C-alpha atoms as a PDB file:
ATOM      1  CA  MET A   1      89.834 298.819 118.633  1.00  0.00           C
ATOM      2  CA  PRO A   2      87.104 301.293 118.189  1.00  0.00           C
ATOM      3  CA  PHE A   3      86.737 301.808 121.930  1.00  0.00           C
ATOM      4  CA  GLU A   4      89.117 302.611 124.841  1.00  0.00           C
ATOM      5  CA  THR A   5      90.457 299.552 126.679  1.00  0.00           C
ATOM      6  CA  ASP A   6      93.102 298.656 129.182  1.00  0.00           C
ATOM      7  CA  VAL A   7      95.532 295.974 129.445  1.00  0.00           C
ATOM      8  CA  VAL A   8      96.683 294.756 132.877  1.00  0.00           C
ATOM      9  CA  LEU A   9      99.793 292.759 133.399  1.00  0.00           C
ATOM     10  CA  CYS A  10     100.693 290.967 136.541  1.00  0.00           C
ATOM     11  CA  GLU A  11     103.851 289.139 137.330  1.00  0.00           C
ATOM     12  CA  GLY A  12     103.514 285.461 138.304  1.00  0.00           C
ATOM     13  CA  ARG A  13     105.176 286.180 141.621  1.00  0.00           C
ATOM     14  CA  GLU A  14     102.321 288.693 142.471  1.00  0.00           C
ATOM     15  CA  LEU A  15      99.787 286.006 141.774  1.00  0.00           C
ATOM     16  CA  MET A  16     101.670 283.332 143.782  1.00  0.00           C
ATOM     17  CA  GLU A  17     101.941 285.960 146.651  1.00  0.00           C
ATOM     18  CA  LEU A  18      98.253 286.373 146.623  1.00  0.00           C
ATOM     19  CA  ARG A  19      97.557 282.731 146.609  1.00  0.00           C
ATOM     20  CA  ALA A  20      99.974 282.355 149.558  1.00  0.00           C
ATOM     21  CA  LYS A  21      97.885 285.008 151.464  1.00  0.00           C
ATOM     22  CA  ASN A  22      94.887 282.727 150.823  1.00  0.00           C
ATOM     23  CA  PRO A  23      92.163 285.489 150.840  1.00  0.00           C
ATOM     24  CA  PHE A  24      89.266 283.043 150.861  1.00  0.00           C
ATOM     25  CA  ALA A  25      90.558 280.686 153.627  1.00  0.00           C
ATOM     26  CA  THR A  26      87.722 281.880 156.054  1.00  0.00           C
ATOM     27  CA  GLN A  27      84.890 281.325 153.705  1.00  0.00           C
ATOM     28  CA  ALA A  28      83.241 278.053 153.409  1.00  0.00           C
ATOM     29  CA  PRO A  29      82.342 277.195 149.706  1.00  0.00           C
ATOM     30  CA  GLN A  30      78.674 277.953 148.875  1.00  0.00           C
ATOM     31  CA  PRO A  31      77.029 276.812 145.657  1.00  0.00           C
ATOM     32  CA  ASP A  32      75.521 280.315 145.103  1.00  0.00           C
ATOM     33  CA  VAL A  33      78.575 282.372 145.853  1.00  0.00           C
ATOM     34  CA  VAL A  34      81.711 282.927 143.658  1.00  0.00           C
ATOM     35  CA  ALA A  35      85.019 284.235 144.726  1.00  0.00           C
ATOM     36  CA  PHE A  36      86.805 286.865 142.646  1.00  0.00           C
ATOM     37  CA  VAL A  37      89.786 289.158 142.473  1.00  0.00           C
ATOM     38  CA  SER A  38      89.705 292.595 140.984  1.00  0.00           C
ATOM     39  CA  VAL A  39      93.092 294.050 139.930  1.00  0.00           C
ATOM     40  CA  LEU A  40      93.517 297.859 140.189  1.00  0.00           C
ATOM     41  CA  ILE A  41      94.472 299.176 136.733  1.00  0.00           C
ATOM     42  CA  GLY A  42      96.399 302.125 138.063  1.00  0.00           C
ATOM     43  CA  PRO A  43      96.739 303.957 141.330  1.00  0.00           C
ATOM     44  CA  PRO A  44      93.469 304.774 142.966  1.00  0.00           C
ATOM     45  CA  GLY A  45      92.391 308.454 142.702  1.00  0.00           C
ATOM     46  CA  ARG A  46      91.857 308.611 146.413  1.00  0.00           C
ATOM     47  CA  ARG A  47      92.522 306.359 149.379  1.00  0.00           C
ATOM     48  CA  LEU A  48      90.625 303.101 149.110  1.00  0.00           C
ATOM     49  CA  PRO A  49      87.652 302.740 151.339  1.00  0.00           C
ATOM     50  CA  ARG A  50      87.613 300.463 154.363  1.00  0.00           C
ATOM     51  CA  MET A  51      86.386 296.888 153.706  1.00  0.00           C
ATOM     52  CA  PRO A  52      84.112 295.146 153.678  1.00  0.00           C
ATOM     53  CA  ILE A  53      82.084 297.121 151.112  1.00  0.00           C
ATOM     54  CA  GLU A  54      78.688 295.614 150.087  1.00  0.00           C
ATOM     55  CA  ILE A  55      77.085 296.459 146.750  1.00  0.00           C
ATOM     56  CA  PRO A  56      74.390 297.597 146.870  1.00  0.00           C
ATOM     57  CA  SER A  57      74.842 298.952 150.341  1.00  0.00           C
ATOM     58  CA  SER A  58      71.193 299.869 151.112  1.00  0.00           C
ATOM     59  CA  GLU A  59      69.562 296.451 150.481  1.00  0.00           C
ATOM     60  CA  GLU A  60      70.463 292.664 150.188  1.00  0.00           C
ATOM     61  CA  TRP A  61      74.145 292.620 148.862  1.00  0.00           C
ATOM     62  CA  PHE A  62      75.097 290.978 145.499  1.00  0.00           C
ATOM     63  CA  VAL A  63      78.787 291.882 145.503  1.00  0.00           C
ATOM     64  CA  ARG A  64      80.827 291.966 148.730  1.00  0.00           C
ATOM     65  CA  LEU A  65      84.450 293.311 148.641  1.00  0.00           C
ATOM     66  CA  SER A  66      86.190 291.787 151.703  1.00  0.00           C
ATOM     67  CA  GLY A  67      89.851 292.774 151.518  1.00  0.00           C
ATOM     68  CA  ARG A  68      92.938 293.933 149.700  1.00  0.00           C
ATOM     69  CA  HIS A  69      96.476 292.805 149.202  1.00  0.00           C
ATOM     70  CA  ARG A  70      98.563 295.353 147.353  1.00  0.00           C
ATOM     71  CA  ARG A  71      96.781 295.997 143.979  1.00  0.00           C
ATOM     72  CA  PHE A  72      94.445 293.059 144.328  1.00  0.00           C
ATOM     73  CA  VAL A  73      90.871 293.413 145.868  1.00  0.00           C
ATOM     74  CA  PHE A  74      89.164 290.293 146.676  1.00  0.00           C
ATOM     75  CA  GLY A  75      85.494 289.487 147.260  1.00  0.00           C
ATOM     76  CA  ILE A  76      82.537 287.328 146.599  1.00  0.00           C
ATOM     77  CA  TYR A  77      79.328 287.724 144.525  1.00  0.00           C
ATOM     78  CA  ARG A  78      76.061 285.910 144.485  1.00  0.00           C
ATOM     79  CA  ARG A  79      74.961 284.044 141.489  1.00  0.00           C
ATOM     80  CA  HIS A  80      71.996 286.115 140.313  1.00  0.00           C
ATOM     81  CA  LEU A  81      70.859 287.899 137.112  1.00  0.00           C
ATOM     82  CA  LYS A  82      71.383 291.276 138.799  1.00  0.00           C
ATOM     83  CA  THR A  83      74.969 290.568 139.676  1.00  0.00           C
ATOM     84  CA  ILE A  84      76.583 291.648 136.450  1.00  0.00           C
ATOM     85  CA  GLY A  85      75.258 295.190 136.963  1.00  0.00           C
ATOM     86  CA  TYR A  86      76.600 295.407 140.507  1.00  0.00           C
ATOM     87  CA  LEU A  87      80.095 294.000 139.377  1.00  0.00           C
ATOM     88  CA  GLY A  88      80.222 297.047 137.301  1.00  0.00           C
ATOM     89  CA  ARG A  89      79.945 299.213 140.229  1.00  0.00           C
ATOM     90  CA  ILE A  90      83.170 298.122 141.882  1.00  0.00           C
ATOM     91  CA  ASP A  91      85.205 300.811 140.101  1.00  0.00           C
ATOM     92  CA  ALA A  92      82.908 303.510 141.637  1.00  0.00           C
ATOM     93  CA  ALA A  93      82.883 301.883 145.105  1.00  0.00           C
ATOM     94  CA  LEU A  94      86.791 301.817 145.128  1.00  0.00           C
ATOM     95  CA  GLY A  95      87.413 305.074 143.250  1.00  0.00           C
ATOM     96  CA  ALA A  96      89.661 303.304 140.928  1.00  0.00           C
ATOM     97  CA  ARG A  97      89.414 301.340 137.735  1.00  0.00           C
ATOM     98  CA  VAL A  98      89.717 297.528 137.989  1.00  0.00           C
ATOM     99  CA  THR A  99      89.455 294.376 136.071  1.00  0.00           C
ATOM    100  CA  THR A 100      87.845 291.415 137.630  1.00  0.00           C
ATOM    101  CA  ARG A 101      88.561 287.654 137.396  1.00  0.00           C
ATOM    102  CA  ASN A 102      87.047 284.548 139.077  1.00  0.00           C
ATOM    103  CA  TRP A 103      89.359 283.044 141.723  1.00  0.00           C
ATOM    104  CA  ASN A 104      89.352 279.826 139.923  1.00  0.00           C
ATOM    105  CA  THR A 105      90.801 281.644 136.827  1.00  0.00           C
ATOM    106  CA  ILE A 106      93.595 282.911 139.009  1.00  0.00           C
ATOM    107  CA  LEU A 107      94.318 279.567 140.479  1.00  0.00           C
ATOM    108  CA  SER A 108      94.466 278.054 136.986  1.00  0.00           C
ATOM    109  CA  THR A 109      96.911 280.619 135.911  1.00  0.00           C
ATOM    110  CA  ILE A 110      99.014 279.892 138.895  1.00  0.00           C
ATOM    111  CA  ARG A 111      99.086 276.164 138.268  1.00  0.00           C
ATOM    112  CA  ILE A 112     100.306 276.855 134.700  1.00  0.00           C
ATOM    113  CA  LEU A 113     103.035 279.062 136.007  1.00  0.00           C
ATOM    114  CA  GLU A 114     104.082 276.502 138.440  1.00  0.00           C
ATOM    115  CA  ARG A 115     104.555 273.933 135.668  1.00  0.00           C
ATOM    116  CA  ILE A 116     106.792 276.196 133.589  1.00  0.00           C
ATOM    117  CA  GLU A 117     108.984 277.154 136.412  1.00  0.00           C
END
């Protein structure tokens, strides 16, 4: 590729462990809010900040990081045109590079893994 890219691999057991932790159990589904998981690409350059983290922090938030389990950071974002730009700030907020996936994508992957076990 003509640009730098990262590949992140997760073992199925890591995803199943994350689902067992049920990071979104306390959040009632809302039509304008999406649950997501960010995976740390490598070790953070510094200690990860205390959660929750709201992005932006000085006005109404569009992205909220609510917790962490091992190398997974989970949160929610609001469906809004501005959100894509704020999702790009997760790396800076954590001091580490991440890749982010919708929680539904993670759950779909887990269902596939369960069928092949």
